[in-house]
Amino acid sequence: MEPLSHCLAHTQCRLVILDPERAERLQDAASRMYLETDIEAMLVFDLHDSKPISEGMRYFEEKLHEYSSDGMHILTSPISILPEDDATLIFTSGG
């Protein structure tokens, strides 16, 4: 997890969006990552299971129900993330 923590710290990432597989991998490192980076929230997208997740991680659906706004109809459309879907963090020197 060291390279990921390093990238998140240097990019000043505040929100991390995870699929269940990546959430499981980060379970042990989540609390440390909150201390070492600017991360304010980790959201897990999982429409099929609601397995227990690490403290500091929240399911997207759970947070969505806390949100109330005129834009709610946009946010309630189904989300589908599969294990074979790509995710990318592009880390550059900024130069």
C-alpha atoms as a PDB file:
ATOM      1  CA  MET A   1       0.000   0.000   0.000  1.00  0.00           C
ATOM      2  CA  GLU A   2       3.002   2.301   0.272  1.00  0.00           C
ATOM      3  CA  PRO A   3       2.940   3.442  -3.400  1.00  0.00           C
ATOM      4  CA  LEU A   4      -0.809   4.100  -3.193  1.00  0.00           C
ATOM      5  CA  SER A   5      -0.463   6.091   0.042  1.00  0.00           C
ATOM      6  CA  HIS A   6       2.395   8.046  -1.532  1.00  0.00           C
ATOM      7  CA  CYS A   7       0.357   8.918  -4.631  1.00  0.00           C
ATOM      8  CA  LEU A   8      -2.723   9.878  -2.628  1.00  0.00           C
ATOM      9  CA  ALA A   9      -0.647  12.084  -0.328  1.00  0.00           C
ATOM     10  CA  HIS A  10       1.069  13.889  -3.204  1.00  0.00           C
ATOM     11  CA  THR A  11      -2.090  14.394  -5.235  1.00  0.00           C
ATOM     12  CA  GLN A  12      -3.918  15.688  -2.147  1.00  0.00           C
ATOM     13  CA  CYS A  13      -6.781  13.348  -2.945  1.00  0.00           C
ATOM     14  CA  ARG A  14      -9.791  14.026  -0.704  1.00  0.00           C
ATOM     15  CA  LEU A  15     -12.207  11.364  -1.946  1.00  0.00           C
ATOM     16  CA  VAL A  16     -11.369   7.765  -2.792  1.00  0.00           C
ATOM     17  CA  ILE A  17     -13.967   5.754  -4.714  1.00  0.00           C
ATOM     18  CA  LEU A  18     -13.513   2.001  -4.453  1.00  0.00           C
ATOM     19  CA  ASP A  19     -15.037  -1.186  -5.727  1.00  0.00           C
ATOM     20  CA  PRO A  20     -15.473  -3.938  -3.100  1.00  0.00           C
ATOM     21  CA  GLU A  21     -12.244  -5.705  -4.082  1.00  0.00           C
ATOM     22  CA  ARG A  22     -10.083  -2.604  -3.601  1.00  0.00           C
ATOM     23  CA  ALA A  23     -11.962  -1.715  -0.396  1.00  0.00           C
ATOM     24  CA  GLU A  24     -11.072  -5.115   1.011  1.00  0.00           C
ATOM     25  CA  ARG A  25      -7.414  -4.628   0.081  1.00  0.00           C
ATOM     26  CA  LEU A  26      -7.356  -1.243   1.852  1.00  0.00           C
ATOM     27  CA  GLN A  27      -9.140  -2.412   5.036  1.00  0.00           C
ATOM     28  CA  ASP A  28      -5.966  -2.601   7.117  1.00  0.00           C
ATOM     29  CA  ALA A  29      -4.447   0.605   5.727  1.00  0.00           C
ATOM     30  CA  ALA A  30      -7.532   2.850   5.739  1.00  0.00           C
ATOM     31  CA  SER A  31      -7.060   4.462   9.144  1.00  0.00           C
ATOM     32  CA  ARG A  32      -3.363   5.085   8.457  1.00  0.00           C
ATOM     33  CA  MET A  33      -4.191   6.611   5.081  1.00  0.00           C
ATOM     34  CA  TYR A  34      -6.569   9.074   6.748  1.00  0.00           C
ATOM     35  CA  LEU A  35      -3.714  10.185   9.004  1.00  0.00           C
ATOM     36  CA  GLU A  36      -1.031  10.351   6.300  1.00  0.00           C
ATOM     37  CA  THR A  37      -3.049  11.938   3.475  1.00  0.00           C
ATOM     38  CA  ASP A  38      -5.729  14.572   2.852  1.00  0.00           C
ATOM     39  CA  ILE A  39      -8.394  11.894   2.356  1.00  0.00           C
ATOM     40  CA  GLU A  40     -11.713  12.916   3.879  1.00  0.00           C
ATOM     41  CA  ALA A  41     -13.870  10.033   2.641  1.00  0.00           C
ATOM     42  CA  MET A  42     -13.728   6.596   1.059  1.00  0.00           C
ATOM     43  CA  LEU A  43     -16.855   5.466  -0.771  1.00  0.00           C
ATOM     44  CA  VAL A  44     -17.439   1.844  -1.739  1.00  0.00           C
ATOM     45  CA  PHE A  45     -19.713   1.076  -4.703  1.00  0.00           C
ATOM     46  CA  ASP A  46     -21.332  -2.303  -4.146  1.00  0.00           C
ATOM     47  CA  LEU A  47     -24.845  -3.046  -5.314  1.00  0.00           C
ATOM     48  CA  HIS A  48     -24.855  -6.734  -4.429  1.00  0.00           C
ATOM     49  CA  ASP A  49     -23.372  -7.098  -0.943  1.00  0.00           C
ATOM     50  CA  SER A  50     -23.126  -4.961   2.116  1.00  0.00           C
ATOM     51  CA  LYS A  51     -20.239  -6.726   3.771  1.00  0.00           C
ATOM     52  CA  PRO A  52     -18.734  -5.040   6.814  1.00  0.00           C
ATOM     53  CA  ILE A  53     -16.124  -2.522   5.747  1.00  0.00           C
ATOM     54  CA  SER A  54     -13.362  -0.682   7.540  1.00  0.00           C
ATOM     55  CA  GLU A  55     -14.118   2.221   9.830  1.00  0.00           C
ATOM     56  CA  GLY A  56     -13.841   5.350   7.733  1.00  0.00           C
ATOM     57  CA  MET A  57     -15.237   3.677   4.619  1.00  0.00           C
ATOM     58  CA  ARG A  58     -18.897   4.144   3.719  1.00  0.00           C
ATOM     59  CA  TYR A  59     -21.091   2.555   1.099  1.00  0.00           C
ATOM     60  CA  PHE A  60     -22.170   4.957  -1.640  1.00  0.00           C
ATOM     61  CA  GLU A  61     -25.824   4.010  -1.178  1.00  0.00           C
ATOM     62  CA  GLU A  62     -25.600   4.825   2.538  1.00  0.00           C
ATOM     63  CA  LYS A  63     -24.168   8.293   1.845  1.00  0.00           C
ATOM     64  CA  LEU A  64     -26.645   8.876  -0.977  1.00  0.00           C
ATOM     65  CA  HIS A  65     -29.552   8.483   1.432  1.00  0.00           C
ATOM     66  CA  GLU A  66     -28.039  11.206   3.638  1.00  0.00           C
ATOM     67  CA  TYR A  67     -27.936  13.627   0.698  1.00  0.00           C
ATOM     68  CA  SER A  68     -31.009  15.687  -0.088  1.00  0.00           C
ATOM     69  CA  SER A  69     -31.129  18.070  -3.005  1.00  0.00           C
ATOM     70  CA  ASP A  70     -33.094  18.821  -6.128  1.00  0.00           C
ATOM     71  CA  GLY A  71     -30.513  16.756  -8.041  1.00  0.00           C
ATOM     72  CA  MET A  72     -31.412  13.517  -6.249  1.00  0.00           C
ATOM     73  CA  HIS A  73     -33.031  12.002  -9.362  1.00  0.00           C
ATOM     74  CA  ILE A  74     -29.666  12.176 -11.133  1.00  0.00           C
ATOM     75  CA  LEU A  75     -27.816  10.487  -8.297  1.00  0.00           C
ATOM     76  CA  THR A  76     -30.259   7.606  -7.872  1.00  0.00           C
ATOM     77  CA  SER A  77     -29.660   6.052 -11.283  1.00  0.00           C
ATOM     78  CA  PRO A  78     -28.188   2.526 -11.033  1.00  0.00           C
ATOM     79  CA  ILE A  79     -24.408   2.152 -10.969  1.00  0.00           C
ATOM     80  CA  SER A  80     -22.707  -0.924 -12.302  1.00  0.00           C
ATOM     81  CA  ILE A  81     -19.049  -1.661 -11.506  1.00  0.00           C
ATOM     82  CA  LEU A  82     -17.551  -5.021 -12.386  1.00  0.00           C
ATOM     83  CA  PRO A  83     -14.210  -6.478 -11.263  1.00  0.00           C
ATOM     84  CA  GLU A  84     -12.885  -6.302 -14.814  1.00  0.00           C
ATOM     85  CA  ASP A  85     -13.684  -2.568 -15.160  1.00  0.00           C
ATOM     86  CA  ASP A  86     -10.616  -0.350 -15.306  1.00  0.00           C
ATOM     87  CA  ALA A  87      -9.793   2.285 -12.727  1.00  0.00           C
ATOM     88  CA  THR A  88      -6.986   4.771 -13.114  1.00  0.00           C
ATOM     89  CA  LEU A  89      -4.989   7.048 -10.899  1.00  0.00           C
ATOM     90  CA  ILE A  90      -2.730   9.162 -13.054  1.00  0.00           C
ATOM     91  CA  PHE A  91       0.239  10.378 -11.063  1.00  0.00           C
ATOM     92  CA  THR A  92       2.405  13.016 -12.675  1.00  0.00           C
ATOM     93  CA  SER A  93       5.098  15.296 -11.362  1.00  0.00           C
ATOM     94  CA  GLY A  94       2.940  18.311 -12.254  1.00  0.00           C
ATOM     95  CA  GLY A  95       5.755  19.760 -14.300  1.00  0.00           C
END
